[in-house]
């Protein structure tokens, strides 16, 4: 887990903590809200670039 993007990890943990007890719909809405905030981040750009370039991403620059 630690080799993944730190912001993605934080948002995942936030969804887990806040999602306990929510309905499926509310849980999915929470995930959409949290993960949509990452789409234009440097972390996402690095992950996509690394995938295209077939290399390991470096999230901790």
PDB file of N, CA and C in Angstrom:
ATOM      1  N   UNK A   1       0.833  -1.196   0.000  1.00  0.00           N
ATOM      2  CA  UNK A   1       0.000   0.000   0.000  1.00  0.00           C
ATOM      3  C   UNK A   1       0.871   1.251   0.000  1.00  0.00           C
ATOM      4  N   UNK A   2       1.960   1.230   0.748  1.00  0.00           N
ATOM      5  CA  UNK A   2       2.782   2.432   0.891  1.00  0.00           C
ATOM      6  C   UNK A   2       3.458   2.876  -0.401  1.00  0.00           C
ATOM      7  N   UNK A   3       3.572   1.991  -1.392  1.00  0.00           N
ATOM      8  CA  UNK A   3       4.198   2.404  -2.648  1.00  0.00           C
ATOM      9  C   UNK A   3       3.213   3.139  -3.557  1.00  0.00           C
ATOM     10  N   UNK A   4       1.956   3.193  -3.171  1.00  0.00           N
ATOM     11  CA  UNK A   4       0.942   3.903  -3.951  1.00  0.00           C
ATOM     12  C   UNK A   4       0.940   5.389  -3.607  1.00  0.00           C
ATOM     13  N   UNK A   5       0.184   6.155  -4.380  1.00  0.00           N
ATOM     14  CA  UNK A   5       0.131   7.597  -4.174  1.00  0.00           C
ATOM     15  C   UNK A   5      -0.423   7.962  -2.806  1.00  0.00           C
ATOM     16  N   UNK A   6       0.248   8.844  -2.088  1.00  0.00           N
ATOM     17  CA  UNK A   6      -0.182   9.190  -0.730  1.00  0.00           C
ATOM     18  C   UNK A   6      -1.566   9.831  -0.665  1.00  0.00           C
ATOM     19  N   UNK A   7      -1.920  10.643  -1.644  1.00  0.00           N
ATOM     20  CA  UNK A   7      -3.249  11.263  -1.622  1.00  0.00           C
ATOM     21  C   UNK A   7      -4.340  10.238  -1.893  1.00  0.00           C
ATOM     22  N   UNK A   8      -4.075   9.299  -2.787  1.00  0.00           N
ATOM     23  CA  UNK A   8      -5.044   8.236  -3.063  1.00  0.00           C
ATOM     24  C   UNK A   8      -5.238   7.353  -1.835  1.00  0.00           C
ATOM     25  N   UNK A   9      -4.149   7.066  -1.139  1.00  0.00           N
ATOM     26  CA  UNK A   9      -4.247   6.271   0.088  1.00  0.00           C
ATOM     27  C   UNK A   9      -5.082   7.013   1.127  1.00  0.00           C
ATOM     28  N   UNK A  10      -4.820   8.298   1.291  1.00  0.00           N
ATOM     29  CA  UNK A  10      -5.562   9.098   2.272  1.00  0.00           C
ATOM     30  C   UNK A  10      -7.051   9.128   1.942  1.00  0.00           C
ATOM     31  N   UNK A  11      -7.382   9.313   0.663  1.00  0.00           N
ATOM     32  CA  UNK A  11      -8.798   9.347   0.264  1.00  0.00           C
ATOM     33  C   UNK A  11      -9.452   7.984   0.459  1.00  0.00           C
ATOM     34  N   UNK A  12      -8.709   6.906   0.198  1.00  0.00           N
ATOM     35  CA  UNK A  12      -9.247   5.561   0.415  1.00  0.00           C
ATOM     36  C   UNK A  12      -9.566   5.332   1.882  1.00  0.00           C
ATOM     37  N   UNK A  13      -8.630   5.708   2.743  1.00  0.00           N
ATOM     38  CA  UNK A  13      -8.855   5.546   4.183  1.00  0.00           C
ATOM     39  C   UNK A  13     -10.020   6.407   4.664  1.00  0.00           C
ATOM     40  N   UNK A  14     -10.135   7.605   4.103  1.00  0.00           N
ATOM     41  CA  UNK A  14     -11.247   8.486   4.455  1.00  0.00           C
ATOM     42  C   UNK A  14     -12.580   7.843   4.074  1.00  0.00           C
ATOM     43  N   UNK A  15     -12.643   7.240   2.895  1.00  0.00           N
ATOM     44  CA  UNK A  15     -13.871   6.569   2.460  1.00  0.00           C
ATOM     45  C   UNK A  15     -14.210   5.397   3.373  1.00  0.00           C
ATOM     46  N   UNK A  16     -13.195   4.657   3.770  1.00  0.00           N
ATOM     47  CA  UNK A  16     -13.431   3.519   4.658  1.00  0.00           C
ATOM     48  C   UNK A  16     -13.975   3.999   6.000  1.00  0.00           C
ATOM     49  N   UNK A  17     -13.322   5.018   6.581  1.00  0.00           N
ATOM     50  CA  UNK A  17     -13.761   5.519   7.898  1.00  0.00           C
ATOM     51  C   UNK A  17     -15.156   6.132   7.841  1.00  0.00           C
ATOM     52  N   UNK A  18     -15.387   6.982   6.841  1.00  0.00           N
ATOM     53  CA  UNK A  18     -16.667   7.683   6.760  1.00  0.00           C
ATOM     54  C   UNK A  18     -17.780   6.807   6.188  1.00  0.00           C
ATOM     55  N   UNK A  19     -17.411   5.762   5.442  1.00  0.00           N
ATOM     56  CA  UNK A  19     -18.405   4.949   4.758  1.00  0.00           C
ATOM     57  C   UNK A  19     -19.066   3.891   5.618  1.00  0.00           C
ATOM     58  N   UNK A  20     -18.500   3.630   6.776  1.00  0.00           N
ATOM     59  CA  UNK A  20     -19.083   2.622   7.658  1.00  0.00           C
ATOM     60  C   UNK A  20     -20.499   3.046   8.036  1.00  0.00           C
ATOM     61  N   UNK A  21     -21.445   2.177   7.786  1.00  0.00           N
ATOM     62  CA  UNK A  21     -22.823   2.466   8.157  1.00  0.00           C
ATOM     63  C   UNK A  21     -23.625   3.205   7.101  1.00  0.00           C
ATOM     64  N   UNK A  22     -22.981   3.628   6.009  1.00  0.00           N
ATOM     65  CA  UNK A  22     -23.723   4.316   4.951  1.00  0.00           C
ATOM     66  C   UNK A  22     -24.426   3.304   4.056  1.00  0.00           C
ATOM     67  N   UNK A  23     -25.466   3.754   3.400  1.00  0.00           N
ATOM     68  CA  UNK A  23     -26.099   2.910   2.393  1.00  0.00           C
ATOM     69  C   UNK A  23     -25.133   2.773   1.216  1.00  0.00           C
ATOM     70  N   UNK A  24     -25.399   1.810   0.352  1.00  0.00           N
ATOM     71  CA  UNK A  24     -24.536   1.628  -0.819  1.00  0.00           C
ATOM     72  C   UNK A  24     -24.496   2.893  -1.654  1.00  0.00           C
ATOM     73  N   UNK A  25     -25.648   3.502  -1.886  1.00  0.00           N
ATOM     74  CA  UNK A  25     -25.706   4.721  -2.697  1.00  0.00           C
ATOM     75  C   UNK A  25     -24.900   5.839  -2.049  1.00  0.00           C
ATOM     76  N   UNK A  26     -25.090   6.056  -0.756  1.00  0.00           N
ATOM     77  CA  UNK A  26     -24.353   7.118  -0.067  1.00  0.00           C
ATOM     78  C   UNK A  26     -22.849   6.831  -0.038  1.00  0.00           C
ATOM     79  N   UNK A  27     -22.485   5.559   0.109  1.00  0.00           N
ATOM     80  CA  UNK A  27     -21.077   5.190   0.078  1.00  0.00           C
ATOM     81  C   UNK A  27     -20.452   5.455  -1.281  1.00  0.00           C
ATOM     82  N   UNK A  28     -21.181   5.132  -2.344  1.00  0.00           N
ATOM     83  CA  UNK A  28     -20.679   5.401  -3.693  1.00  0.00           C
ATOM     84  C   UNK A  28     -20.583   6.900  -3.953  1.00  0.00           C
ATOM     85  N   UNK A  29     -21.552   7.655  -3.469  1.00  0.00           N
ATOM     86  CA  UNK A  29     -21.492   9.118  -3.611  1.00  0.00           C
ATOM     87  C   UNK A  29     -20.262   9.683  -2.902  1.00  0.00           C
ATOM     88  N   UNK A  30     -19.951   9.150  -1.739  1.00  0.00           N
ATOM     89  CA  UNK A  30     -18.768   9.576  -0.990  1.00  0.00           C
ATOM     90  C   UNK A  30     -17.494   9.268  -1.780  1.00  0.00           C
ATOM     91  N   UNK A  31     -17.437   8.080  -2.379  1.00  0.00           N
ATOM     92  CA  UNK A  31     -16.267   7.720  -3.183  1.00  0.00           C
ATOM     93  C   UNK A  31     -16.115   8.634  -4.390  1.00  0.00           C
ATOM     94  N   UNK A  32     -17.206   8.920  -5.066  1.00  0.00           N
ATOM     95  CA  UNK A  32     -17.148   9.816  -6.231  1.00  0.00           C
ATOM     96  C   UNK A  32     -16.616  11.177  -5.806  1.00  0.00           C
ATOM     97  N   UNK A  33     -17.129  11.697  -4.699  1.00  0.00           N
ATOM     98  CA  UNK A  33     -16.683  13.007  -4.208  1.00  0.00           C
ATOM     99  C   UNK A  33     -15.190  12.993  -3.891  1.00  0.00           C
ATOM    100  N   UNK A  34     -14.751  11.983  -3.171  1.00  0.00           N
ATOM    101  CA  UNK A  34     -13.350  11.930  -2.752  1.00  0.00           C
ATOM    102  C   UNK A  34     -12.397  11.689  -3.914  1.00  0.00           C
ATOM    103  N   UNK A  35     -12.711  10.745  -4.778  1.00  0.00           N
ATOM    104  CA  UNK A  35     -11.767  10.393  -5.833  1.00  0.00           C
ATOM    105  C   UNK A  35     -11.801  11.352  -7.008  1.00  0.00           C
ATOM    106  N   UNK A  36     -12.911  12.043  -7.220  1.00  0.00           N
ATOM    107  CA  UNK A  36     -12.944  13.024  -8.313  1.00  0.00           C
ATOM    108  C   UNK A  36     -12.000  14.188  -8.025  1.00  0.00           C
ATOM    109  N   UNK A  37     -11.724  14.428  -6.758  1.00  0.00           N
ATOM    110  CA  UNK A  37     -10.798  15.513  -6.410  1.00  0.00           C
ATOM    111  C   UNK A  37      -9.352  15.179  -6.785  1.00  0.00           C
ATOM    112  N   UNK A  38      -9.073  13.923  -7.098  1.00  0.00           N
ATOM    113  CA  UNK A  38      -7.711  13.503  -7.431  1.00  0.00           C
ATOM    114  C   UNK A  38      -7.417  13.509  -8.930  1.00  0.00           C
ATOM    115  N   UNK A  39      -8.444  13.614  -9.767  1.00  0.00           N
ATOM    116  CA  UNK A  39      -8.256  13.420 -11.207  1.00  0.00           C
ATOM    117  C   UNK A  39      -7.229  14.346 -11.837  1.00  0.00           C
ATOM    118  N   UNK A  40      -7.146  15.577 -11.413  1.00  0.00           N
ATOM    119  CA  UNK A  40      -6.209  16.527 -12.011  1.00  0.00           C
ATOM    120  C   UNK A  40      -4.958  16.743 -11.167  1.00  0.00           C
ATOM    121  N   UNK A  41      -4.700  15.834 -10.254  1.00  0.00           N
ATOM    122  CA  UNK A  41      -3.552  16.004  -9.355  1.00  0.00           C
ATOM    123  C   UNK A  41      -2.248  15.560 -10.029  1.00  0.00           C
ATOM    124  N   UNK A  42      -1.142  16.066  -9.510  1.00  0.00           N
ATOM    125  CA  UNK A  42       0.177  15.640  -9.989  1.00  0.00           C
ATOM    126  C   UNK A  42       0.372  14.139  -9.777  1.00  0.00           C
ATOM    127  N   UNK A  43      -0.205  13.641  -8.704  1.00  0.00           N
ATOM    128  CA  UNK A  43      -0.107  12.215  -8.395  1.00  0.00           C
ATOM    129  C   UNK A  43      -0.741  11.373  -9.506  1.00  0.00           C
ATOM    130  N   UNK A  44      -1.911  11.767  -9.960  1.00  0.00           N
ATOM    131  CA  UNK A  44      -2.589  11.043 -11.034  1.00  0.00           C
ATOM    132  C   UNK A  44      -1.807  11.154 -12.331  1.00  0.00           C
ATOM    133  N   UNK A  45      -1.308  12.341 -12.619  1.00  0.00           N
ATOM    134  CA  UNK A  45      -0.506  12.535 -13.838  1.00  0.00           C
ATOM    135  C   UNK A  45       0.729  11.643 -13.818  1.00  0.00           C
ATOM    136  N   UNK A  46       1.394  11.545 -12.679  1.00  0.00           N
ATOM    137  CA  UNK A  46       2.569  10.686 -12.552  1.00  0.00           C
ATOM    138  C   UNK A  46       2.192   9.222 -12.755  1.00  0.00           C
ATOM    139  N   UNK A  47       1.090   8.797 -12.159  1.00  0.00           N
ATOM    140  CA  UNK A  47       0.648   7.411 -12.310  1.00  0.00           C
ATOM    141  C   UNK A  47       0.340   7.061 -13.755  1.00  0.00           C
ATOM    142  N   UNK A  48      -0.360   7.949 -14.448  1.00  0.00           N
ATOM    143  CA  UNK A  48      -0.691   7.707 -15.857  1.00  0.00           C
ATOM    144  C   UNK A  48       0.557   7.731 -16.732  1.00  0.00           C
ATOM    145  N   UNK A  49       1.453   8.678 -16.482  1.00  0.00           N
ATOM    146  CA  UNK A  49       2.703   8.751 -17.252  1.00  0.00           C
ATOM    147  C   UNK A  49       3.528   7.485 -17.058  1.00  0.00           C
ATOM    148  N   UNK A  50       3.633   7.034 -15.832  1.00  0.00           N
ATOM    149  CA  UNK A  50       4.401   5.826 -15.541  1.00  0.00           C
ATOM    150  C   UNK A  50       3.791   4.616 -16.241  1.00  0.00           C
ATOM    151  N   UNK A  51       2.476   4.532 -16.265  1.00  0.00           N
ATOM    152  CA  UNK A  51       1.802   3.422 -16.937  1.00  0.00           C
ATOM    153  C   UNK A  51       2.115   3.429 -18.426  1.00  0.00           C
ATOM    154  N   UNK A  52       1.974   4.593 -19.060  1.00  0.00           N
ATOM    155  CA  UNK A  52       2.223   4.717 -20.497  1.00  0.00           C
ATOM    156  C   UNK A  52       3.691   4.421 -20.818  1.00  0.00           C
ATOM    157  N   UNK A  53       4.587   4.899 -19.959  1.00  0.00           N
ATOM    158  CA  UNK A  53       6.025   4.717 -20.176  1.00  0.00           C
ATOM    159  C   UNK A  53       6.539   3.370 -19.662  1.00  0.00           C
ATOM    160  N   UNK A  54       5.635   2.559 -19.120  1.00  0.00           N
ATOM    161  CA  UNK A  54       5.972   1.228 -18.593  1.00  0.00           C
ATOM    162  C   UNK A  54       7.100   1.291 -17.559  1.00  0.00           C
ATOM    163  N   UNK A  55       6.919   2.186 -16.591  1.00  0.00           N
ATOM    164  CA  UNK A  55       7.890   2.317 -15.511  1.00  0.00           C
ATOM    165  C   UNK A  55       7.150   2.384 -14.180  1.00  0.00           C
ATOM    166  N   UNK A  56       7.882   2.264 -13.121  1.00  0.00           N
ATOM    167  CA  UNK A  56       7.303   2.356 -11.780  1.00  0.00           C
ATOM    168  C   UNK A  56       7.087   3.833 -11.460  1.00  0.00           C
ATOM    169  N   UNK A  57       5.886   4.205 -10.992  1.00  0.00           N
ATOM    170  CA  UNK A  57       5.647   5.612 -10.661  1.00  0.00           C
ATOM    171  C   UNK A  57       6.441   6.044  -9.431  1.00  0.00           C
ATOM    172  N   UNK A  58       6.823   7.312  -9.433  1.00  0.00           N
ATOM    173  CA  UNK A  58       7.521   7.894  -8.286  1.00  0.00           C
ATOM    174  C   UNK A  58       6.606   8.962  -7.691  1.00  0.00           C
ATOM    175  N   UNK A  59       5.833   8.582  -6.690  1.00  0.00           N
ATOM    176  CA  UNK A  59       4.874   9.499  -6.084  1.00  0.00           C
ATOM    177  C   UNK A  59       5.505  10.395  -5.031  1.00  0.00           C
ATOM    178  N   UNK A  60       6.705  10.095  -4.623  1.00  0.00           N
ATOM    179  CA  UNK A  60       7.339  10.842  -3.534  1.00  0.00           C
ATOM    180  C   UNK A  60       8.523  11.649  -4.036  1.00  0.00           C
ATOM    181  N   UNK A  61       8.266  12.513  -4.988  1.00  0.00           N
ATOM    182  CA  UNK A  61       9.320  13.360  -5.571  1.00  0.00           C
ATOM    183  C   UNK A  61       9.641  14.506  -4.649  1.00  0.00           C
TER     184      UNK A  61
END
